[in-house]
Amino acid sequence: MGIAAKVAVWLKTLDHDAIHLNDESLFQLQDKQIIEKAVQEKRIILTADMDFGQILSLNQIQHVSVIQFRTSDFTPNNIIAKLELLFMKFADQLDGEFIITIEDNRICFRKLPI
């Protein structure tokens, strides 16, 4: 949600099983439906929509993780640079369930449940 398709393409070049909502015409799904799909397919949601983190923490939803972006620059190159930093910094912690908030000058990592 709010992340360019180019980011999913980049993730695929790193052998991640990434899809963009536009790839499967899923852009009209409600947030809870996106979460259900992520749970079923064991995916991590990348989003600019802060609702996902709130939905997960308030509803104690399990088996899904979220990386949410709160940056001033949503260009694909900036998002990719932030993800590269995330992968370097937290590579050994990306199993399990978590919420990661990426801001301009920091990355906040929280294991779920909160």
Protein backbone atom coordinates (compact mmCIF):
# COMPACT_ATOMS: atom_id res chain seq x y z
CA MET A 1 0.00 0.00 0.00
CA GLY A 2 1.57 3.24 -1.15
CA ILE A 3 4.83 1.52 -2.11
CA ALA A 4 5.89 1.57 -5.77
CA ALA A 5 5.80 -1.64 -7.79
CA LYS A 6 9.49 -1.06 -8.55
CA VAL A 7 10.24 -1.98 -4.92
CA ALA A 8 8.59 -5.39 -5.37
CA VAL A 9 10.59 -5.91 -8.55
CA TRP A 10 13.80 -5.08 -6.65
CA LEU A 11 12.86 -7.52 -3.87
CA LYS A 12 12.33 -10.23 -6.48
CA THR A 13 15.87 -9.65 -7.80
CA LEU A 14 17.05 -10.56 -4.28
CA ASP A 15 15.04 -13.81 -4.50
CA HIS A 16 12.26 -12.64 -2.20
CA ASP A 17 8.78 -13.90 -3.08
CA ALA A 18 7.40 -10.37 -3.40
CA ILE A 19 4.15 -9.27 -4.98
CA HIS A 20 2.66 -5.83 -5.40
CA LEU A 21 -1.08 -5.37 -4.93
CA ASN A 22 -1.26 -4.24 -8.55
CA ASP A 23 0.29 -7.55 -9.68
CA GLU A 24 -2.85 -9.42 -8.68
CA SER A 25 -5.36 -6.56 -8.95
CA LEU A 26 -5.70 -6.54 -5.17
CA PHE A 27 -5.52 -2.78 -4.67
CA GLN A 28 -9.24 -2.61 -3.81
CA LEU A 29 -8.99 -4.98 -0.85
CA GLN A 30 -9.77 -3.68 2.62
CA ASP A 31 -6.91 -3.62 5.15
CA LYS A 32 -8.22 -6.68 7.02
CA GLN A 33 -8.44 -8.63 3.76
CA ILE A 34 -4.84 -7.74 2.95
CA ILE A 35 -3.82 -8.94 6.41
CA GLU A 36 -5.74 -12.20 5.90
CA LYS A 37 -3.96 -12.74 2.57
CA ALA A 38 -0.59 -12.01 4.19
CA VAL A 39 -1.32 -14.53 6.96
CA GLN A 40 -2.40 -17.22 4.47
CA GLU A 41 0.62 -16.67 2.22
CA LYS A 42 3.10 -15.98 5.06
CA ARG A 43 4.01 -12.54 3.73
CA ILE A 44 5.36 -9.35 5.23
CA ILE A 45 3.28 -6.28 4.43
CA LEU A 46 5.20 -3.21 3.24
CA THR A 47 3.06 -0.11 3.49
CA ALA A 48 2.85 3.64 3.85
CA ASP A 49 -0.50 3.14 5.60
CA MET A 50 -0.09 3.32 9.38
CA ASP A 51 -3.40 1.52 9.95
CA PHE A 52 -1.80 -1.90 9.55
CA GLY A 53 0.39 -1.58 12.63
CA GLN A 54 -2.56 -0.39 14.67
CA ILE A 55 -4.80 -3.23 13.43
CA LEU A 56 -2.17 -5.83 14.33
CA SER A 57 -1.47 -4.49 17.79
CA LEU A 58 -5.06 -3.71 18.76
CA ASN A 59 -6.50 -6.99 17.48
CA GLN A 60 -3.60 -9.21 18.55
CA ILE A 61 -3.42 -10.65 15.01
CA GLN A 62 -0.69 -13.25 14.72
CA HIS A 63 1.40 -14.77 11.93
CA VAL A 64 1.93 -11.57 9.98
CA SER A 65 4.52 -8.81 10.05
CA VAL A 66 4.46 -5.22 8.83
CA ILE A 67 7.12 -2.82 7.63
CA GLN A 68 5.58 0.64 7.62
CA PHE A 69 7.20 3.70 6.11
CA ARG A 70 6.86 7.17 7.64
CA THR A 71 9.31 8.99 5.44
CA SER A 72 9.18 12.28 3.64
CA ASP A 73 10.43 10.64 0.44
CA PHE A 74 8.43 7.73 -1.00
CA THR A 75 10.41 7.42 -4.21
CA PRO A 76 11.36 3.82 -5.03
CA ASN A 77 15.08 4.60 -4.68
CA ASN A 78 14.62 5.96 -1.16
CA ILE A 79 12.40 3.05 -0.08
CA ILE A 80 14.95 0.58 -1.49
CA ALA A 81 17.79 2.37 0.34
CA LYS A 82 15.81 2.18 3.59
CA LEU A 83 15.14 -1.55 3.04
CA GLU A 84 18.84 -2.18 2.35
CA LEU A 85 19.66 -0.54 5.69
CA LEU A 86 16.94 -2.57 7.40
CA PHE A 87 18.30 -5.83 5.94
CA MET A 88 21.82 -4.97 7.13
CA LYS A 89 20.74 -3.91 10.60
CA PHE A 90 18.04 -6.49 11.41
CA ALA A 91 18.79 -9.48 9.14
CA ASP A 92 18.94 -11.92 12.04
CA GLN A 93 15.64 -10.67 13.56
CA LEU A 94 13.32 -10.90 10.56
CA ASP A 95 11.88 -14.30 11.51
CA GLY A 96 8.72 -14.34 13.53
CA GLU A 97 6.24 -11.53 13.84
CA PHE A 98 7.15 -7.87 14.06
CA ILE A 99 6.24 -4.31 13.23
CA ILE A 100 9.01 -2.16 11.82
CA THR A 101 8.54 1.56 11.38
CA ILE A 102 11.02 3.21 9.04
CA GLU A 103 11.32 6.97 9.36
CA ASP A 104 13.69 9.43 7.74
CA ASN A 105 16.32 9.13 10.48
CA ARG A 106 15.53 5.94 12.40
CA ILE A 107 14.17 2.43 12.28
CA CYS A 108 11.98 1.19 15.11
CA PHE A 109 11.75 -2.60 15.46
CA ARG A 110 9.10 -4.21 17.71
CA LYS A 111 8.43 -7.91 18.11
CA LEU A 112 4.80 -8.98 18.22
CA PRO A 113 2.68 -9.31 20.20
CA ILE A 114 3.15 -5.87 21.72
